[in-house]
């Protein structure tokens, strides 16, 4: 099984990318490829720019990466209660090429943040929206208080109860 994992954040030290990477590593016998949104730069989407340049090559490249997956592990960054601008821009460009950008791949959908809600608002938005864009969400997970519950040096969830919860979700997929 091939897993494509990414954190929906442009931060070079994305806590969501760290969580997605860890979660993907928990799947048995899986080949994992972790994407970085910074590898898909595009101008801010507008129909005017699209009319001028057409479908952006980096949107095509992102869709091609999704096409190689059997399963997606996505952790959403929450910026002011919504998607990060970088993710939303990739999402917008890609949906102009193919509305069902997740290409009927099953997904583990997650979020984390430094705060106690763990990205709960954006997680709920994505949970409600993503099935309309071609995915079946097999499980959701929120990691609150990232700095207290994740060991960055080891790349693992350090809170035993939360780690057990994530492992249980993955075992049930």
C-alpha atoms as a PDB file:
ATOM      1  CA  UNK A   1       0.000   0.000   0.000  1.00  0.00           C
ATOM      2  CA  UNK A   2       1.293   3.459  -0.883  1.00  0.00           C
ATOM      3  CA  UNK A   3       0.436   6.339   1.422  1.00  0.00           C
ATOM      4  CA  UNK A   4       0.708   9.985   0.455  1.00  0.00           C
ATOM      5  CA  UNK A   5       0.898  12.113   3.599  1.00  0.00           C
ATOM      6  CA  UNK A   6       1.057  15.862   4.028  1.00  0.00           C
ATOM      7  CA  UNK A   7       0.457  18.670   6.459  1.00  0.00           C
ATOM      8  CA  UNK A   8      -1.767  21.327   4.933  1.00  0.00           C
ATOM      9  CA  UNK A   9       0.642  24.091   5.926  1.00  0.00           C
ATOM     10  CA  UNK A  10       3.491  25.939   4.215  1.00  0.00           C
ATOM     11  CA  UNK A  11       5.572  26.114   7.393  1.00  0.00           C
ATOM     12  CA  UNK A  12       9.018  24.587   6.994  1.00  0.00           C
ATOM     13  CA  UNK A  13       8.631  23.215  10.542  1.00  0.00           C
ATOM     14  CA  UNK A  14       4.947  22.352  10.110  1.00  0.00           C
ATOM     15  CA  UNK A  15       3.555  20.616  13.154  1.00  0.00           C
ATOM     16  CA  UNK A  16       0.841  19.174  10.920  1.00  0.00           C
ATOM     17  CA  UNK A  17       3.428  17.690   8.568  1.00  0.00           C
ATOM     18  CA  UNK A  18       5.147  16.160  11.617  1.00  0.00           C
ATOM     19  CA  UNK A  19       1.858  14.635  12.780  1.00  0.00           C
ATOM     20  CA  UNK A  20       0.991  13.334   9.289  1.00  0.00           C
ATOM     21  CA  UNK A  21       4.463  11.806   8.950  1.00  0.00           C
ATOM     22  CA  UNK A  22       4.152  10.058  12.303  1.00  0.00           C
ATOM     23  CA  UNK A  23       0.637   8.770  11.616  1.00  0.00           C
ATOM     24  CA  UNK A  24       1.651   7.434   8.193  1.00  0.00           C
ATOM     25  CA  UNK A  25       4.557   5.568   9.812  1.00  0.00           C
ATOM     26  CA  UNK A  26       2.084   3.609  11.952  1.00  0.00           C
ATOM     27  CA  UNK A  27       0.523   1.810   8.984  1.00  0.00           C
ATOM     28  CA  UNK A  28       1.853  -1.732   8.557  1.00  0.00           C
ATOM     29  CA  UNK A  29       3.841  -2.544   5.421  1.00  0.00           C
ATOM     30  CA  UNK A  30       3.167   0.780   3.757  1.00  0.00           C
ATOM     31  CA  UNK A  31       5.349   2.781   1.418  1.00  0.00           C
ATOM     32  CA  UNK A  32       5.068   6.398   2.569  1.00  0.00           C
ATOM     33  CA  UNK A  33       5.719   9.562   0.583  1.00  0.00           C
ATOM     34  CA  UNK A  34       5.445  12.823   2.513  1.00  0.00           C
ATOM     35  CA  UNK A  35       4.613  15.876   0.437  1.00  0.00           C
ATOM     36  CA  UNK A  36       5.634  19.442   1.265  1.00  0.00           C
ATOM     37  CA  UNK A  37       3.238  22.145   0.064  1.00  0.00           C
ATOM     38  CA  UNK A  38       6.255  24.357  -0.619  1.00  0.00           C
ATOM     39  CA  UNK A  39       7.102  22.077  -3.549  1.00  0.00           C
ATOM     40  CA  UNK A  40       3.929  23.250  -5.310  1.00  0.00           C
ATOM     41  CA  UNK A  41       4.173  27.062  -5.511  1.00  0.00           C
ATOM     42  CA  UNK A  42       1.523  28.836  -7.559  1.00  0.00           C
ATOM     43  CA  UNK A  43       0.175  32.352  -7.825  1.00  0.00           C
ATOM     44  CA  UNK A  44      -2.939  33.085  -5.801  1.00  0.00           C
ATOM     45  CA  UNK A  45      -5.772  31.517  -7.769  1.00  0.00           C
ATOM     46  CA  UNK A  46      -8.082  33.750  -9.771  1.00  0.00           C
ATOM     47  CA  UNK A  47     -10.060  33.117 -12.921  1.00  0.00           C
ATOM     48  CA  UNK A  48      -8.137  35.973 -14.547  1.00  0.00           C
ATOM     49  CA  UNK A  49      -4.779  34.290 -13.944  1.00  0.00           C
ATOM     50  CA  UNK A  50      -6.227  30.938 -14.985  1.00  0.00           C
ATOM     51  CA  UNK A  51      -7.456  32.491 -18.257  1.00  0.00           C
ATOM     52  CA  UNK A  52      -3.984  33.918 -18.826  1.00  0.00           C
ATOM     53  CA  UNK A  53      -1.832  30.868 -17.997  1.00  0.00           C
ATOM     54  CA  UNK A  54      -4.230  27.917 -18.069  1.00  0.00           C
ATOM     55  CA  UNK A  55      -3.956  24.975 -15.733  1.00  0.00           C
ATOM     56  CA  UNK A  56      -0.908  25.374 -13.533  1.00  0.00           C
ATOM     57  CA  UNK A  57       1.779  22.693 -13.897  1.00  0.00           C
ATOM     58  CA  UNK A  58       2.208  22.449 -10.110  1.00  0.00           C
ATOM     59  CA  UNK A  59      -1.502  21.728  -9.685  1.00  0.00           C
ATOM     60  CA  UNK A  60      -1.107  18.944 -12.232  1.00  0.00           C
ATOM     61  CA  UNK A  61       1.945  17.678 -10.331  1.00  0.00           C
ATOM     62  CA  UNK A  62       0.037  17.667  -7.023  1.00  0.00           C
ATOM     63  CA  UNK A  63      -2.827  15.733  -8.611  1.00  0.00           C
ATOM     64  CA  UNK A  64      -0.335  13.285 -10.112  1.00  0.00           C
ATOM     65  CA  UNK A  65       1.104  12.628  -6.643  1.00  0.00           C
ATOM     66  CA  UNK A  66      -2.385  11.987  -5.237  1.00  0.00           C
ATOM     67  CA  UNK A  67      -3.008   9.565  -8.131  1.00  0.00           C
ATOM     68  CA  UNK A  68      -0.093   7.385  -6.988  1.00  0.00           C
ATOM     69  CA  UNK A  69      -1.609   6.814  -3.545  1.00  0.00           C
ATOM     70  CA  UNK A  70      -3.716   3.998  -2.214  1.00  0.00           C
ATOM     71  CA  UNK A  71      -4.400   5.990   0.955  1.00  0.00           C
ATOM     72  CA  UNK A  72      -4.062   9.610   2.079  1.00  0.00           C
ATOM     73  CA  UNK A  73      -2.967  10.903   5.493  1.00  0.00           C
ATOM     74  CA  UNK A  74      -3.718  14.612   5.772  1.00  0.00           C
ATOM     75  CA  UNK A  75      -3.268  16.886   8.768  1.00  0.00           C
ATOM     76  CA  UNK A  76      -4.903  20.281   8.472  1.00  0.00           C
ATOM     77  CA  UNK A  77      -3.305  23.456   9.756  1.00  0.00           C
ATOM     78  CA  UNK A  78      -5.816  25.875  11.236  1.00  0.00           C
ATOM     79  CA  UNK A  79      -5.361  29.532  10.346  1.00  0.00           C
ATOM     80  CA  UNK A  80      -8.019  31.743  11.912  1.00  0.00           C
ATOM     81  CA  UNK A  81     -10.453  28.838  12.052  1.00  0.00           C
ATOM     82  CA  UNK A  82     -10.004  27.703   8.450  1.00  0.00           C
ATOM     83  CA  UNK A  83      -7.607  26.140   5.917  1.00  0.00           C
ATOM     84  CA  UNK A  84      -4.163  27.659   5.521  1.00  0.00           C
ATOM     85  CA  UNK A  85      -3.974  30.001   2.520  1.00  0.00           C
ATOM     86  CA  UNK A  86      -1.290  27.785   0.949  1.00  0.00           C
ATOM     87  CA  UNK A  87      -3.475  24.673   1.095  1.00  0.00           C
ATOM     88  CA  UNK A  88      -6.574  26.536  -0.071  1.00  0.00           C
ATOM     89  CA  UNK A  89      -4.649  27.880  -3.054  1.00  0.00           C
ATOM     90  CA  UNK A  90      -3.453  24.413  -4.100  1.00  0.00           C
ATOM     91  CA  UNK A  91      -6.971  23.102  -3.516  1.00  0.00           C
ATOM     92  CA  UNK A  92      -8.484  25.854  -5.696  1.00  0.00           C
ATOM     93  CA  UNK A  93      -6.048  25.330  -8.572  1.00  0.00           C
ATOM     94  CA  UNK A  94      -6.507  21.551  -8.452  1.00  0.00           C
ATOM     95  CA  UNK A  95     -10.302  21.631  -8.398  1.00  0.00           C
ATOM     96  CA  UNK A  96     -10.266  23.613 -11.638  1.00  0.00           C
ATOM     97  CA  UNK A  97      -8.563  20.616 -13.253  1.00  0.00           C
ATOM     98  CA  UNK A  98     -10.372  17.839 -11.416  1.00  0.00           C
ATOM     99  CA  UNK A  99     -13.185  18.521  -8.926  1.00  0.00           C
ATOM    100  CA  UNK A 100     -12.590  15.251  -7.113  1.00  0.00           C
ATOM    101  CA  UNK A 101      -8.992  16.083  -6.286  1.00  0.00           C
ATOM    102  CA  UNK A 102      -8.661  13.253  -3.768  1.00  0.00           C
ATOM    103  CA  UNK A 103      -9.453  10.805  -6.585  1.00  0.00           C
ATOM    104  CA  UNK A 104     -11.551   8.412  -4.501  1.00  0.00           C
ATOM    105  CA  UNK A 105      -8.651   7.630  -2.169  1.00  0.00           C
ATOM    106  CA  UNK A 106      -9.565   6.784   1.432  1.00  0.00           C
ATOM    107  CA  UNK A 107      -8.220   9.260   3.989  1.00  0.00           C
ATOM    108  CA  UNK A 108      -7.158   9.626   7.588  1.00  0.00           C
ATOM    109  CA  UNK A 109      -7.948  13.272   8.330  1.00  0.00           C
ATOM    110  CA  UNK A 110      -6.253  14.992  11.242  1.00  0.00           C
ATOM    111  CA  UNK A 111      -5.341  18.355  12.698  1.00  0.00           C
ATOM    112  CA  UNK A 112      -3.111  19.684  15.418  1.00  0.00           C
ATOM    113  CA  UNK A 113      -2.287  23.065  16.895  1.00  0.00           C
ATOM    114  CA  UNK A 114      -0.412  24.498  19.862  1.00  0.00           C
ATOM    115  CA  UNK A 115      -3.784  25.204  21.491  1.00  0.00           C
ATOM    116  CA  UNK A 116      -6.160  23.029  23.440  1.00  0.00           C
ATOM    117  CA  UNK A 117      -8.657  22.564  20.617  1.00  0.00           C
ATOM    118  CA  UNK A 118      -6.112  20.896  18.321  1.00  0.00           C
ATOM    119  CA  UNK A 119      -7.416  22.433  15.109  1.00  0.00           C
ATOM    120  CA  UNK A 120     -10.957  21.206  15.806  1.00  0.00           C
ATOM    121  CA  UNK A 121     -12.599  23.945  13.738  1.00  0.00           C
ATOM    122  CA  UNK A 122     -10.670  23.288  10.526  1.00  0.00           C
ATOM    123  CA  UNK A 123     -10.949  19.544  11.089  1.00  0.00           C
ATOM    124  CA  UNK A 124     -14.739  19.846  11.154  1.00  0.00           C
ATOM    125  CA  UNK A 125     -14.758  22.028   8.026  1.00  0.00           C
ATOM    126  CA  UNK A 126     -12.578  19.548   6.126  1.00  0.00           C
ATOM    127  CA  UNK A 127     -14.525  16.545   7.424  1.00  0.00           C
ATOM    128  CA  UNK A 128     -17.724  18.026   5.997  1.00  0.00           C
ATOM    129  CA  UNK A 129     -16.220  19.279   2.727  1.00  0.00           C
ATOM    130  CA  UNK A 130     -13.677  16.699   1.575  1.00  0.00           C
ATOM    131  CA  UNK A 131     -16.120  13.880   0.714  1.00  0.00           C
ATOM    132  CA  UNK A 132     -17.566  16.196  -1.956  1.00  0.00           C
ATOM    133  CA  UNK A 133     -14.073  16.319  -3.465  1.00  0.00           C
ATOM    134  CA  UNK A 134     -13.562  12.592  -3.868  1.00  0.00           C
ATOM    135  CA  UNK A 135     -12.509  10.975  -0.614  1.00  0.00           C
ATOM    136  CA  UNK A 136     -13.976   8.672   1.966  1.00  0.00           C
ATOM    137  CA  UNK A 137     -12.787   9.717   5.398  1.00  0.00           C
ATOM    138  CA  UNK A 138     -11.944   6.542   7.296  1.00  0.00           C
ATOM    139  CA  UNK A 139     -11.030   8.249  10.546  1.00  0.00           C
ATOM    140  CA  UNK A 140     -10.362  11.612  12.153  1.00  0.00           C
ATOM    141  CA  UNK A 141      -7.948  12.604  14.891  1.00  0.00           C
ATOM    142  CA  UNK A 142      -7.154  15.859  16.658  1.00  0.00           C
ATOM    143  CA  UNK A 143      -3.960  16.370  18.652  1.00  0.00           C
ATOM    144  CA  UNK A 144      -4.376  19.263  21.091  1.00  0.00           C
ATOM    145  CA  UNK A 145      -1.482  21.161  22.652  1.00  0.00           C
ATOM    146  CA  UNK A 146       1.089  19.938  20.138  1.00  0.00           C
ATOM    147  CA  UNK A 147       4.071  21.251  22.088  1.00  0.00           C
ATOM    148  CA  UNK A 148       3.030  19.289  25.188  1.00  0.00           C
ATOM    149  CA  UNK A 149       1.895  16.100  23.425  1.00  0.00           C
ATOM    150  CA  UNK A 150       4.425  15.553  20.632  1.00  0.00           C
ATOM    151  CA  UNK A 151       8.148  14.832  20.986  1.00  0.00           C
ATOM    152  CA  UNK A 152       9.656  16.691  18.027  1.00  0.00           C
ATOM    153  CA  UNK A 153      13.106  15.100  18.448  1.00  0.00           C
ATOM    154  CA  UNK A 154      11.693  11.555  18.337  1.00  0.00           C
ATOM    155  CA  UNK A 155       8.887  12.437  15.914  1.00  0.00           C
ATOM    156  CA  UNK A 156       6.216  10.708  18.012  1.00  0.00           C
ATOM    157  CA  UNK A 157       3.174  11.520  20.103  1.00  0.00           C
ATOM    158  CA  UNK A 158       4.473  11.620  23.662  1.00  0.00           C
ATOM    159  CA  UNK A 159       1.090  11.507  25.403  1.00  0.00           C
ATOM    160  CA  UNK A 160       0.325   7.776  25.879  1.00  0.00           C
ATOM    161  CA  UNK A 161      -3.471   8.185  25.834  1.00  0.00           C
ATOM    162  CA  UNK A 162      -3.469  10.257  22.644  1.00  0.00           C
ATOM    163  CA  UNK A 163      -0.957   7.922  20.995  1.00  0.00           C
ATOM    164  CA  UNK A 164      -3.171   4.956  21.878  1.00  0.00           C
ATOM    165  CA  UNK A 165      -6.189   6.782  20.424  1.00  0.00           C
ATOM    166  CA  UNK A 166      -4.429   7.412  17.105  1.00  0.00           C
ATOM    167  CA  UNK A 167      -3.120   3.836  16.927  1.00  0.00           C
ATOM    168  CA  UNK A 168      -6.632   2.532  17.605  1.00  0.00           C
ATOM    169  CA  UNK A 169      -8.066   4.662  14.793  1.00  0.00           C
ATOM    170  CA  UNK A 170      -5.416   3.373  12.389  1.00  0.00           C
ATOM    171  CA  UNK A 171      -5.966  -0.256  13.431  1.00  0.00           C
ATOM    172  CA  UNK A 172      -9.675   0.209  12.703  1.00  0.00           C
ATOM    173  CA  UNK A 173      -9.063   1.460   9.170  1.00  0.00           C
END
